[in-house]
Protein backbone atom coordinates (compact mmCIF):
# COMPACT_ATOMS: atom_id res chain seq x y z
CA MET A 1 45.77 140.70 70.90
CA GLN A 2 42.33 139.69 72.10
CA ASN A 3 41.44 136.39 73.78
CA ARG A 4 39.36 135.10 76.68
CA VAL A 5 41.63 136.76 79.25
CA THR A 6 41.54 140.23 77.69
CA LYS A 7 37.78 139.98 77.34
CA LEU A 8 37.31 138.68 80.88
CA PHE A 9 39.26 141.58 82.41
CA ASN A 10 38.45 144.19 79.74
CA ILE A 11 42.14 144.90 79.08
CA ASP A 12 44.27 145.42 75.97
CA HIS A 13 47.13 143.04 76.73
CA PRO A 14 46.98 139.64 78.52
CA ILE A 15 49.62 140.75 81.02
CA ILE A 16 48.69 140.76 84.70
CA GLN A 17 50.81 142.34 87.41
CA ALA A 18 51.18 140.09 90.45
CA GLY A 19 49.65 141.20 93.76
CA MET A 20 52.87 141.49 95.73
CA ILE A 21 52.63 142.46 99.39
CA TRP A 22 54.68 145.53 100.39
CA ALA A 23 55.28 146.36 96.72
CA SER A 24 52.03 146.63 94.76
CA GLY A 25 49.94 149.51 95.99
CA TRP A 26 47.67 151.84 94.03
CA ARG A 27 50.51 153.56 92.15
CA LEU A 28 51.76 150.36 90.56
CA ALA A 29 48.30 148.89 89.99
CA SER A 30 46.97 152.03 88.29
CA ALA A 31 50.11 152.41 86.15
CA VAL A 32 49.82 148.85 84.83
CA SER A 33 46.09 149.23 84.17
CA ASN A 34 46.61 152.54 82.39
CA ALA A 35 49.20 150.83 80.18
CA GLY A 36 46.61 148.26 79.07
CA GLY A 37 47.40 145.36 81.40
CA LEU A 38 45.70 144.42 84.66
CA GLY A 39 47.11 146.07 87.76
CA ILE A 40 46.61 144.38 91.13
CA ILE A 41 46.69 145.83 94.64
CA GLY A 42 48.39 143.39 97.01
CA SER A 43 46.26 143.46 100.17
CA GLY A 44 48.25 140.91 102.17
CA SER A 45 50.36 143.56 103.92
CA MET A 46 47.54 146.05 104.44
CA TYR A 47 45.29 146.81 107.38
CA PRO A 48 41.64 147.13 106.29
CA ASP A 49 41.61 150.94 106.36
CA VAL A 50 44.83 151.03 104.32
CA LEU A 51 43.30 148.69 101.74
CA ARG A 52 40.27 150.96 101.36
CA GLU A 53 42.56 153.97 100.85
CA HIS A 54 44.52 152.17 98.12
CA ILE A 55 41.35 151.05 96.34
CA GLN A 56 39.95 154.57 96.35
CA LYS A 57 43.22 156.09 95.12
CA CYS A 58 43.47 153.46 92.39
CA LYS A 59 39.95 154.32 91.23
CA ALA A 60 40.92 157.98 91.05
CA ALA A 61 44.12 157.22 89.12
CA THR A 62 42.67 154.94 86.44
CA GLY A 63 39.41 154.43 84.63
CA ARG A 64 40.54 150.96 83.58
CA SER A 65 40.00 147.56 85.20
CA PHE A 66 42.08 146.72 88.26
CA ALA A 67 42.05 143.94 90.85
CA VAL A 68 42.82 143.20 94.49
CA ASN A 69 44.80 140.14 95.53
CA VAL A 70 43.59 138.57 98.79
CA PRO A 71 45.60 135.81 100.51
CA LEU A 72 42.85 133.72 102.11
CA LEU A 73 44.97 133.04 105.20
CA TYR A 74 44.90 136.74 106.13
CA PRO A 75 43.55 137.17 109.70
CA ASP A 76 41.24 140.10 108.81
CA ILE A 77 39.83 138.41 105.70
CA ASP A 78 36.21 139.27 106.60
CA LYS A 79 37.02 142.97 106.84
CA HIS A 80 39.01 142.91 103.61
CA MET A 81 36.19 141.24 101.71
CA GLN A 82 33.61 143.66 103.12
CA ILE A 83 35.68 146.60 101.90
CA ILE A 84 36.06 144.99 98.48
CA LEU A 85 32.29 144.59 98.23
CA GLU A 86 31.59 148.12 99.47
CA GLU A 87 34.11 149.66 97.07
CA LYS A 88 32.80 147.54 94.19
CA VAL A 89 36.21 146.20 93.16
CA PRO A 90 35.66 144.56 89.73
CA ILE A 91 38.17 141.69 89.98
CA VAL A 92 39.60 139.70 92.89
CA PHE A 93 42.55 137.31 92.81
CA THR A 94 42.55 134.87 95.74
CA SER A 95 45.46 132.73 96.90
CA ALA A 96 46.77 130.64 99.79
CA GLY A 97 43.52 128.97 100.77
CA ASN A 98 40.29 127.26 99.74
CA PRO A 99 38.64 129.10 96.81
CA GLY A 100 35.27 127.67 97.80
CA THR A 101 35.18 129.92 100.88
CA TRP A 102 34.60 133.27 99.15
CA THR A 103 34.17 132.71 95.41
CA SER A 104 30.37 132.38 95.45
CA VAL A 105 29.98 135.47 97.65
CA LEU A 106 32.15 137.57 95.36
CA ARG A 107 30.46 136.36 92.19
CA GLU A 108 27.03 137.09 93.64
CA HIS A 109 28.15 140.72 93.73
CA GLY A 110 29.27 140.64 90.10
CA ILE A 111 32.98 140.32 90.87
CA THR A 112 35.26 138.31 88.59
CA VAL A 113 37.26 135.78 90.65
CA VAL A 114 40.65 134.26 89.84
CA HIS A 115 42.48 131.78 92.08
CA VAL A 116 46.21 131.04 92.18
CA VAL A 117 47.07 127.32 92.07
CA SER A 118 50.23 125.22 92.14
CA SER A 119 48.78 121.97 90.77
CA SER A 120 46.18 120.74 88.30
CA LYS A 121 44.26 119.18 91.22
CA PHE A 122 43.79 122.58 92.85
CA ALA A 123 42.94 124.10 89.46
CA VAL A 124 40.03 121.67 89.12
CA LYS A 125 38.85 122.59 92.64
CA ALA A 126 38.99 126.28 91.72
CA GLN A 127 36.91 125.65 88.62
CA GLN A 128 34.40 123.65 90.64
CA ALA A 129 34.20 126.50 93.15
CA GLY A 130 33.10 128.82 90.35
CA CYS A 131 36.30 130.73 89.63
CA ASP A 132 36.39 132.53 86.29
CA ALA A 133 40.07 131.76 85.68
CA VAL A 134 43.15 130.35 87.43
CA VAL A 135 46.79 131.34 87.71
CA ALA A 136 49.09 128.34 87.26
CA GLU A 137 52.07 129.42 89.36
CA GLY A 138 55.18 127.35 88.85
CA PHE A 139 58.13 126.68 91.14
CA GLU A 140 60.12 129.54 89.63
CA ALA A 141 57.81 132.15 91.13
CA GLY A 142 59.00 134.68 93.67
CA GLY A 143 57.30 135.22 97.02
CA HIS A 144 55.17 132.42 98.44
CA ASN A 145 55.03 129.23 96.43
CA GLY A 146 53.46 125.77 96.34
CA ARG A 147 55.07 122.79 98.03
CA GLU A 148 54.84 120.64 94.89
CA GLU A 149 57.84 122.35 93.26
CA THR A 150 56.38 121.75 89.79
CA THR A 151 58.07 124.00 87.25
CA THR A 152 56.08 126.47 85.17
CA MET A 153 56.75 124.68 81.88
CA VAL A 154 55.37 121.45 83.36
CA LEU A 155 52.51 122.98 85.35
CA VAL A 156 50.96 125.18 82.67
CA PRO A 157 50.11 122.46 80.12
CA ALA A 158 48.90 120.17 82.92
CA VAL A 159 46.51 122.82 84.24
CA CYS A 160 45.35 123.75 80.74
CA ALA A 161 44.48 120.11 80.11
CA ALA A 162 42.61 119.81 83.43
CA VAL A 163 40.26 122.84 83.26
CA ASP A 164 38.11 124.66 80.72
CA ILE A 165 38.42 128.14 82.20
CA PRO A 166 41.24 130.51 81.09
CA VAL A 167 44.69 129.84 82.50
CA LEU A 168 47.29 132.48 83.34
CA ALA A 169 50.90 131.33 83.57
CA ALA A 170 53.14 132.60 86.37
CA GLY A 171 56.61 131.87 87.65
CA GLY A 172 59.83 132.94 85.96
CA ILE A 173 58.12 135.03 83.28
CA ALA A 174 59.74 138.41 82.65
CA THR A 175 60.23 138.72 78.89
CA GLY A 176 58.18 138.50 75.71
CA ARG A 177 59.90 135.24 74.77
CA GLN A 178 58.93 133.65 78.07
CA MET A 179 55.37 134.91 77.63
CA LEU A 180 55.25 133.37 74.15
CA ALA A 181 56.50 130.04 75.52
CA ALA A 182 53.76 130.01 78.16
CA MET A 183 51.08 130.77 75.61
CA VAL A 184 52.35 128.08 73.25
CA LEU A 185 51.80 125.67 76.15
CA GLY A 186 48.15 126.75 76.39
CA ALA A 187 48.08 129.77 78.71
CA GLU A 188 46.01 132.73 77.55
CA GLY A 189 47.91 135.28 79.58
CA VAL A 190 50.74 135.72 82.06
CA GLN A 191 51.12 137.08 85.57
CA VAL A 192 54.42 138.85 86.17
CA GLY A 193 55.91 139.79 89.52
CA SER A 194 59.65 140.48 89.67
CA ARG A 195 59.66 142.60 86.52
CA PHE A 196 57.09 144.91 88.09
CA VAL A 197 58.54 144.83 91.61
CA ALA A 198 61.62 146.61 90.26
CA SER A 199 59.60 149.37 88.57
CA VAL A 200 59.53 153.00 89.62
CA GLU A 201 55.88 152.75 90.71
CA ALA A 202 56.46 149.75 93.02
CA SER A 203 56.69 150.68 96.70
CA SER A 204 59.53 148.24 97.38
CA HIS A 205 62.82 149.70 98.61
CA ALA A 206 65.39 150.81 96.03
CA ASN A 207 68.00 148.42 97.49
CA PHE A 208 65.62 145.49 97.01
CA LYS A 209 64.86 146.57 93.44
CA ASN A 210 68.57 146.66 92.66
CA ARG A 211 69.11 143.20 94.15
CA VAL A 212 66.29 141.80 92.04
CA ILE A 213 67.66 143.42 88.88
CA HIS A 214 71.17 142.10 89.44
CA ALA A 215 70.22 138.64 90.73
CA GLY A 216 71.60 135.76 88.68
CA GLU A 217 71.24 132.00 88.54
CA GLY A 218 71.29 130.42 91.98
CA ASP A 219 70.82 133.71 93.86
CA THR A 220 67.42 132.69 95.28
CA TYR A 221 66.16 129.70 97.21
CA LEU A 222 62.73 128.37 98.18
CA SER A 223 62.82 128.36 101.97
CA LEU A 224 60.48 127.48 104.87
CA LYS A 225 59.06 124.51 102.95
CA GLN A 226 57.74 122.92 106.14
CA LEU A 227 55.80 126.05 107.09
CA THR A 228 54.87 128.47 104.29
CA PRO A 229 57.23 128.12 101.31
CA VAL A 230 58.72 131.45 100.27
CA ARG A 231 61.48 132.34 97.80
CA LEU A 232 64.28 134.41 99.31
CA LEU A 233 67.31 136.18 97.92
CA LYS A 234 70.45 134.71 99.45
CA ASN A 235 71.79 137.20 101.99
CA GLU A 236 72.40 137.48 105.74
CA PHE A 237 68.67 137.37 106.52
CA PHE A 238 68.31 134.27 104.36
CA THR A 239 71.07 132.56 106.37
CA GLN A 240 69.29 133.40 109.65
CA VAL A 241 66.04 131.96 108.31
CA GLN A 242 67.79 128.78 107.22
CA GLU A 243 69.39 128.31 110.65
CA ALA A 244 66.07 128.92 112.42
CA GLU A 245 64.33 126.42 110.15
CA LYS A 246 66.93 123.76 110.91
CA MET A 247 66.39 124.25 114.65
CA CYS A 248 62.58 123.97 114.37
CA PHE A 249 62.33 121.12 111.90
């Protein structure tokens, strides 16, 4: 199918792989792009020189569009952005920060910019900053999440009603039926994380992949809400985090 999202990214299918730190390097990004979706390199866990290496290897592995995800709270953000400009990355997904900081700079260099939001208020700010599209990421999402705890099925139509730019739905989407539901609510594409994090090409550990695959209802929890909300699988490490959070807050 063709719509504003496929045209914006020059892809065959409106399916975007999430930029997951530690898991989405050049192998996963190039595989998704070669399959007709949009692969994303997750730069949040990479030193600048490592990011450059992954971008160059991704270029060599695919002739299709790909993107880099940049958490705006990253301490070496200036170096990351310089590398992205030098390597002429076509698409950048920003998250965890103010989209007004870098959007104009990236767009001046011909880069398509997408920002991840957790509310319709932030979606409007992203549009005002000049973003080409937004990802409406609901409470169900893995990894870092918004504090609002608005579910995907509530957030997506609210964001679609608030902005004119294309909206990608994210959070709890792993099947075609869930993708259809998101698009019925107004999204023009979906961003998928957990489904891809368990793939062969993902650089996450095999034990983690297996835990994700076999996780059921109630096996995850949004933790560290007072600091930086993050969804964790319930295990011994999760218990330690919970105890530490209780002591601090």
